[in-house]
N, C-alpha and C. Protein backbone atom coordinates (compact mmCIF):
# COMPACT_ATOMS: atom_id res chain seq x y z
N MET A 1 0.84 -1.18 0.00
CA MET A 1 0.00 0.00 0.00
C MET A 1 0.89 1.25 0.00
N ALA A 2 0.57 2.14 -0.89
CA ALA A 2 1.29 3.40 -0.97
C ALA A 2 0.62 4.43 -0.06
N ARG A 3 1.37 5.44 0.27
CA ARG A 3 0.84 6.49 1.13
C ARG A 3 0.01 7.47 0.31
N ASN A 4 -1.18 7.80 0.80
CA ASN A 4 -2.04 8.77 0.15
C ASN A 4 -1.62 10.15 0.62
N GLU A 5 -1.07 10.95 -0.29
CA GLU A 5 -0.57 12.26 0.09
C GLU A 5 -1.45 13.39 -0.42
N TYR A 6 -2.72 13.10 -0.66
CA TYR A 6 -3.63 14.15 -1.10
C TYR A 6 -3.96 15.07 0.08
N PRO A 7 -4.14 16.36 -0.19
CA PRO A 7 -4.45 17.30 0.89
C PRO A 7 -5.86 17.09 1.46
N ALA A 8 -6.11 17.65 2.61
CA ALA A 8 -7.39 17.45 3.30
C ALA A 8 -8.59 17.97 2.51
N ASN A 9 -8.40 18.89 1.58
CA ASN A 9 -9.53 19.40 0.80
C ASN A 9 -9.80 18.57 -0.45
N SER A 10 -9.07 17.48 -0.63
CA SER A 10 -9.23 16.63 -1.80
C SER A 10 -10.32 15.58 -1.59
N ARG A 11 -11.02 15.27 -2.66
CA ARG A 11 -12.01 14.19 -2.64
C ARG A 11 -11.36 12.85 -2.31
N TYR A 12 -10.07 12.74 -2.55
CA TYR A 12 -9.35 11.48 -2.36
C TYR A 12 -8.60 11.39 -1.04
N PHE A 13 -8.68 12.44 -0.22
CA PHE A 13 -8.01 12.43 1.07
C PHE A 13 -8.54 11.28 1.93
N GLY A 14 -7.65 10.53 2.51
CA GLY A 14 -8.04 9.45 3.41
C GLY A 14 -8.32 8.12 2.73
N LEU A 15 -8.41 8.10 1.41
CA LEU A 15 -8.62 6.82 0.74
C LEU A 15 -7.30 6.06 0.68
N THR A 16 -7.39 4.76 0.72
CA THR A 16 -6.21 3.92 0.64
C THR A 16 -5.75 3.86 -0.81
N LEU A 17 -4.48 4.05 -1.00
CA LEU A 17 -3.86 3.98 -2.32
C LEU A 17 -3.03 2.71 -2.36
N ARG A 18 -3.35 1.84 -3.30
CA ARG A 18 -2.60 0.60 -3.42
C ARG A 18 -2.01 0.51 -4.82
N THR A 19 -1.13 -0.42 -5.02
CA THR A 19 -0.50 -0.62 -6.32
C THR A 19 -1.06 -1.89 -6.94
N GLU A 20 -1.43 -1.79 -8.19
CA GLU A 20 -1.95 -2.94 -8.92
C GLU A 20 -1.02 -3.23 -10.09
N THR A 21 -0.71 -4.50 -10.30
CA THR A 21 0.17 -4.89 -11.39
C THR A 21 -0.68 -5.25 -12.61
N MET A 22 -0.39 -4.60 -13.71
CA MET A 22 -1.11 -4.83 -14.96
C MET A 22 -0.57 -6.09 -15.65
N VAL A 23 -1.24 -6.53 -16.69
CA VAL A 23 -0.85 -7.73 -17.43
C VAL A 23 0.57 -7.59 -17.97
N ASP A 24 0.94 -6.38 -18.39
CA ASP A 24 2.28 -6.16 -18.96
C ASP A 24 3.36 -5.97 -17.89
N GLY A 25 2.97 -6.08 -16.62
CA GLY A 25 3.93 -5.95 -15.52
C GLY A 25 4.04 -4.55 -14.95
N ALA A 26 3.43 -3.58 -15.61
CA ALA A 26 3.48 -2.21 -15.12
C ALA A 26 2.68 -2.10 -13.82
N GLU A 27 3.22 -1.32 -12.89
CA GLU A 27 2.53 -1.10 -11.63
C GLU A 27 1.88 0.28 -11.65
N VAL A 28 0.60 0.31 -11.34
CA VAL A 28 -0.14 1.57 -11.34
C VAL A 28 -0.83 1.77 -9.99
N PRO A 29 -0.81 3.02 -9.52
CA PRO A 29 -1.51 3.30 -8.27
C PRO A 29 -3.02 3.32 -8.50
N VAL A 30 -3.75 2.72 -7.57
CA VAL A 30 -5.21 2.62 -7.67
C VAL A 30 -5.80 2.94 -6.30
N PHE A 31 -6.81 3.81 -6.29
CA PHE A 31 -7.51 4.10 -5.04
C PHE A 31 -8.55 3.03 -4.77
N THR A 32 -8.79 2.79 -3.50
CA THR A 32 -9.94 1.97 -3.14
C THR A 32 -11.18 2.77 -3.50
N ARG A 33 -12.28 2.12 -3.66
CA ARG A 33 -13.50 2.79 -4.10
C ARG A 33 -14.02 3.77 -3.04
N ARG A 34 -14.42 4.93 -3.50
CA ARG A 34 -15.02 5.93 -2.61
C ARG A 34 -16.53 5.83 -2.75
N ILE A 35 -17.20 5.55 -1.67
CA ILE A 35 -18.65 5.45 -1.65
C ILE A 35 -19.22 6.80 -1.24
N LEU A 36 -20.18 7.29 -2.00
CA LEU A 36 -20.81 8.56 -1.64
C LEU A 36 -21.53 8.43 -0.30
N PRO A 37 -21.38 9.40 0.58
CA PRO A 37 -22.08 9.34 1.85
C PRO A 37 -23.60 9.49 1.66
N ASP A 38 -24.37 8.97 2.57
CA ASP A 38 -25.81 9.13 2.55
C ASP A 38 -26.13 10.62 2.66
N THR A 39 -26.94 11.13 1.75
CA THR A 39 -27.23 12.56 1.74
C THR A 39 -27.94 13.03 3.01
N ALA A 40 -28.60 12.14 3.71
CA ALA A 40 -29.30 12.49 4.95
C ALA A 40 -28.33 12.86 6.08
N ARG A 41 -27.06 12.50 5.94
CA ARG A 41 -26.07 12.79 6.98
C ARG A 41 -25.63 14.25 6.99
N PHE A 42 -25.88 14.97 5.90
CA PHE A 42 -25.38 16.34 5.78
C PHE A 42 -26.28 17.36 6.46
N SER A 43 -25.65 18.40 6.98
CA SER A 43 -26.35 19.60 7.43
C SER A 43 -26.04 20.67 6.39
N VAL A 44 -27.07 21.33 5.92
CA VAL A 44 -26.88 22.35 4.88
C VAL A 44 -26.62 23.69 5.54
N ALA A 45 -25.50 24.31 5.18
CA ALA A 45 -25.12 25.60 5.74
C ALA A 45 -25.85 26.73 5.03
N GLU A 46 -26.02 26.59 3.73
CA GLU A 46 -26.70 27.60 2.93
C GLU A 46 -27.15 26.98 1.62
N ARG A 47 -27.95 27.73 0.90
CA ARG A 47 -28.37 27.32 -0.44
C ARG A 47 -28.04 28.48 -1.37
N MET A 48 -27.60 28.15 -2.58
CA MET A 48 -27.28 29.19 -3.55
C MET A 48 -27.95 28.89 -4.88
N ARG A 49 -28.23 29.92 -5.63
CA ARG A 49 -28.85 29.78 -6.94
C ARG A 49 -27.76 29.77 -8.00
N SER A 50 -27.83 28.80 -8.89
CA SER A 50 -26.81 28.66 -9.93
C SER A 50 -27.29 29.25 -11.25
N HIS A 51 -26.35 29.33 -12.16
CA HIS A 51 -26.62 29.76 -13.53
C HIS A 51 -26.37 28.57 -14.44
N ALA A 52 -27.12 28.46 -15.51
CA ALA A 52 -26.97 27.33 -16.43
C ALA A 52 -25.51 27.17 -16.85
N GLY A 53 -25.02 25.96 -16.77
CA GLY A 53 -23.65 25.67 -17.19
C GLY A 53 -22.58 26.02 -16.17
N GLN A 54 -22.97 26.53 -15.03
CA GLN A 54 -21.98 26.89 -14.02
C GLN A 54 -21.31 25.63 -13.48
N ARG A 55 -20.00 25.68 -13.34
CA ARG A 55 -19.25 24.51 -12.90
C ARG A 55 -19.22 24.40 -11.38
N ALA A 56 -19.08 23.16 -10.94
CA ALA A 56 -19.05 22.87 -9.50
C ALA A 56 -17.88 23.55 -8.81
N ASP A 57 -16.72 23.64 -9.46
CA ASP A 57 -15.57 24.27 -8.82
C ASP A 57 -15.78 25.77 -8.63
N VAL A 58 -16.51 26.40 -9.55
CA VAL A 58 -16.81 27.83 -9.42
C VAL A 58 -17.77 28.04 -8.25
N LEU A 59 -18.78 27.19 -8.15
CA LEU A 59 -19.71 27.27 -7.02
C LEU A 59 -18.99 27.05 -5.69
N ALA A 60 -18.07 26.09 -5.66
CA ALA A 60 -17.31 25.82 -4.43
C ALA A 60 -16.44 27.01 -4.06
N ALA A 61 -15.84 27.65 -5.04
CA ALA A 61 -15.02 28.83 -4.77
C ALA A 61 -15.87 29.95 -4.19
N GLU A 62 -17.09 30.11 -4.72
CA GLU A 62 -17.99 31.15 -4.22
C GLU A 62 -18.49 30.84 -2.81
N SER A 63 -18.77 29.58 -2.53
CA SER A 63 -19.38 29.24 -1.24
C SER A 63 -18.36 28.94 -0.15
N TYR A 64 -17.28 28.25 -0.50
CA TYR A 64 -16.27 27.86 0.49
C TYR A 64 -14.99 28.69 0.42
N GLY A 65 -14.80 29.38 -0.70
CA GLY A 65 -13.53 30.07 -0.91
C GLY A 65 -12.44 29.11 -1.36
N ASP A 66 -12.83 27.89 -1.79
CA ASP A 66 -11.88 26.86 -2.20
C ASP A 66 -12.50 26.03 -3.33
N PRO A 67 -12.04 26.22 -4.56
CA PRO A 67 -12.63 25.48 -5.68
C PRO A 67 -12.42 23.97 -5.59
N PHE A 68 -11.43 23.53 -4.82
CA PHE A 68 -11.15 22.11 -4.71
C PHE A 68 -12.17 21.37 -3.84
N LEU A 69 -13.07 22.09 -3.20
CA LEU A 69 -14.12 21.47 -2.39
C LEU A 69 -15.40 21.23 -3.18
N TRP A 70 -15.32 21.23 -4.50
CA TRP A 70 -16.47 20.99 -5.37
C TRP A 70 -17.17 19.68 -5.05
N TRP A 71 -16.41 18.70 -4.62
CA TRP A 71 -16.95 17.37 -4.36
C TRP A 71 -17.96 17.38 -3.20
N ARG A 72 -17.84 18.33 -2.28
CA ARG A 72 -18.83 18.41 -1.19
C ARG A 72 -20.21 18.76 -1.74
N LEU A 73 -20.25 19.66 -2.73
CA LEU A 73 -21.52 20.03 -3.36
C LEU A 73 -22.12 18.83 -4.08
N CYS A 74 -21.27 18.04 -4.71
CA CYS A 74 -21.74 16.83 -5.40
C CYS A 74 -22.21 15.78 -4.40
N ASP A 75 -21.48 15.61 -3.32
CA ASP A 75 -21.86 14.61 -2.31
C ASP A 75 -23.24 14.88 -1.73
N VAL A 76 -23.52 16.13 -1.36
CA VAL A 76 -24.81 16.45 -0.77
C VAL A 76 -25.94 16.30 -1.79
N ALA A 77 -25.61 16.44 -3.08
CA ALA A 77 -26.61 16.26 -4.14
C ALA A 77 -26.74 14.79 -4.52
N GLY A 78 -25.82 13.95 -4.02
CA GLY A 78 -25.87 12.51 -4.31
C GLY A 78 -25.42 12.16 -5.72
N ILE A 79 -24.51 12.96 -6.27
CA ILE A 79 -24.01 12.68 -7.62
C ILE A 79 -22.50 12.52 -7.60
N GLU A 80 -21.99 11.70 -8.51
CA GLU A 80 -20.55 11.48 -8.61
C GLU A 80 -19.88 12.44 -9.59
N ASP A 81 -20.56 12.74 -10.69
CA ASP A 81 -19.97 13.52 -11.77
C ASP A 81 -20.30 15.01 -11.58
N PRO A 82 -19.29 15.86 -11.41
CA PRO A 82 -19.56 17.28 -11.19
C PRO A 82 -20.28 17.95 -12.36
N ALA A 83 -20.17 17.38 -13.56
CA ALA A 83 -20.86 17.96 -14.72
C ALA A 83 -22.38 17.89 -14.57
N GLY A 84 -22.87 17.00 -13.72
CA GLY A 84 -24.30 16.85 -13.52
C GLY A 84 -24.86 17.68 -12.38
N LEU A 85 -24.02 18.51 -11.73
CA LEU A 85 -24.49 19.28 -10.59
C LEU A 85 -25.49 20.36 -11.01
N VAL A 86 -25.12 21.15 -12.00
CA VAL A 86 -25.99 22.23 -12.47
C VAL A 86 -26.60 21.81 -13.80
N THR A 87 -27.88 21.57 -13.79
CA THR A 87 -28.56 21.11 -15.00
C THR A 87 -29.47 22.15 -15.62
N GLU A 88 -29.81 23.20 -14.85
CA GLU A 88 -30.70 24.24 -15.38
C GLU A 88 -30.42 25.57 -14.70
N ASP A 89 -30.80 26.64 -15.38
CA ASP A 89 -30.61 27.98 -14.86
C ASP A 89 -31.50 28.20 -13.64
N GLY A 90 -30.96 28.81 -12.61
CA GLY A 90 -31.72 29.12 -11.41
C GLY A 90 -31.87 27.96 -10.44
N GLN A 91 -31.14 26.90 -10.68
CA GLN A 91 -31.22 25.73 -9.81
C GLN A 91 -30.69 26.07 -8.42
N ILE A 92 -31.34 25.54 -7.38
CA ILE A 92 -30.89 25.76 -6.01
C ILE A 92 -29.89 24.66 -5.64
N ILE A 93 -28.70 25.07 -5.22
CA ILE A 93 -27.62 24.15 -4.86
C ILE A 93 -27.41 24.23 -3.35
N ALA A 94 -27.43 23.08 -2.70
CA ALA A 94 -27.16 23.01 -1.26
C ALA A 94 -25.67 23.07 -1.02
N VAL A 95 -25.28 23.84 -0.02
CA VAL A 95 -23.88 23.96 0.38
C VAL A 95 -23.79 23.34 1.78
N PRO A 96 -23.21 22.14 1.88
CA PRO A 96 -23.20 21.45 3.17
C PRO A 96 -22.03 21.84 4.07
N LEU A 97 -22.25 21.62 5.34
CA LEU A 97 -21.15 21.64 6.29
C LEU A 97 -20.36 20.35 6.09
N PRO A 98 -19.09 20.31 6.48
CA PRO A 98 -18.35 19.05 6.40
C PRO A 98 -19.04 17.98 7.24
N LEU A 99 -18.95 16.75 6.83
CA LEU A 99 -19.57 15.66 7.57
C LEU A 99 -19.08 15.58 9.00
N GLU A 100 -17.82 15.94 9.22
CA GLU A 100 -17.27 15.93 10.58
C GLU A 100 -18.04 16.86 11.50
N VAL A 101 -18.61 17.90 10.94
CA VAL A 101 -19.41 18.87 11.69
C VAL A 101 -20.88 18.44 11.70
N SER A 102 -21.35 17.92 10.56
CA SER A 102 -22.76 17.57 10.40
C SER A 102 -23.19 16.44 11.33
N ASP A 103 -22.41 15.35 11.36
CA ASP A 103 -22.87 14.21 12.15
C ASP A 103 -21.82 13.64 13.09
N GLY A 104 -20.71 14.33 13.22
CA GLY A 104 -19.69 13.87 14.16
C GLY A 104 -18.98 12.62 13.72
N ALA A 105 -19.07 12.27 12.42
CA ALA A 105 -18.44 11.05 11.91
C ALA A 105 -16.94 11.12 11.98
C-alpha cells in the first residue's frame, strides 16, 4: 500500500492507495472505491442559486472560498460527476457543512 498524500480538501483524502500490477507488468496506483455518503447525513449551511452551465468548482469557490471542495456540493446532491451538478438555470444548490461537523463522523 502506498501512502495517500492528497491534501485534506481533496475528494481522495483518506482513501487507501494501493499498487496494482497490470498484465504487462506495469505497476499503477489505484484508489480503493469511494462510496458517496448518505445525503441524509449532511447539514446544509446555505443554499445558492446557480446559472446554467456553471461549474461545480466555481460554485465551491464562491461558497467555500476553495474550488477544490467541489466534491462536497456533489456529495450532498448525491451525484458522482460534477458535470451533472448544475442542469438548469436558477437551480438551487445546497452547500453542506463538512460531515465531521454535520454528524460527528
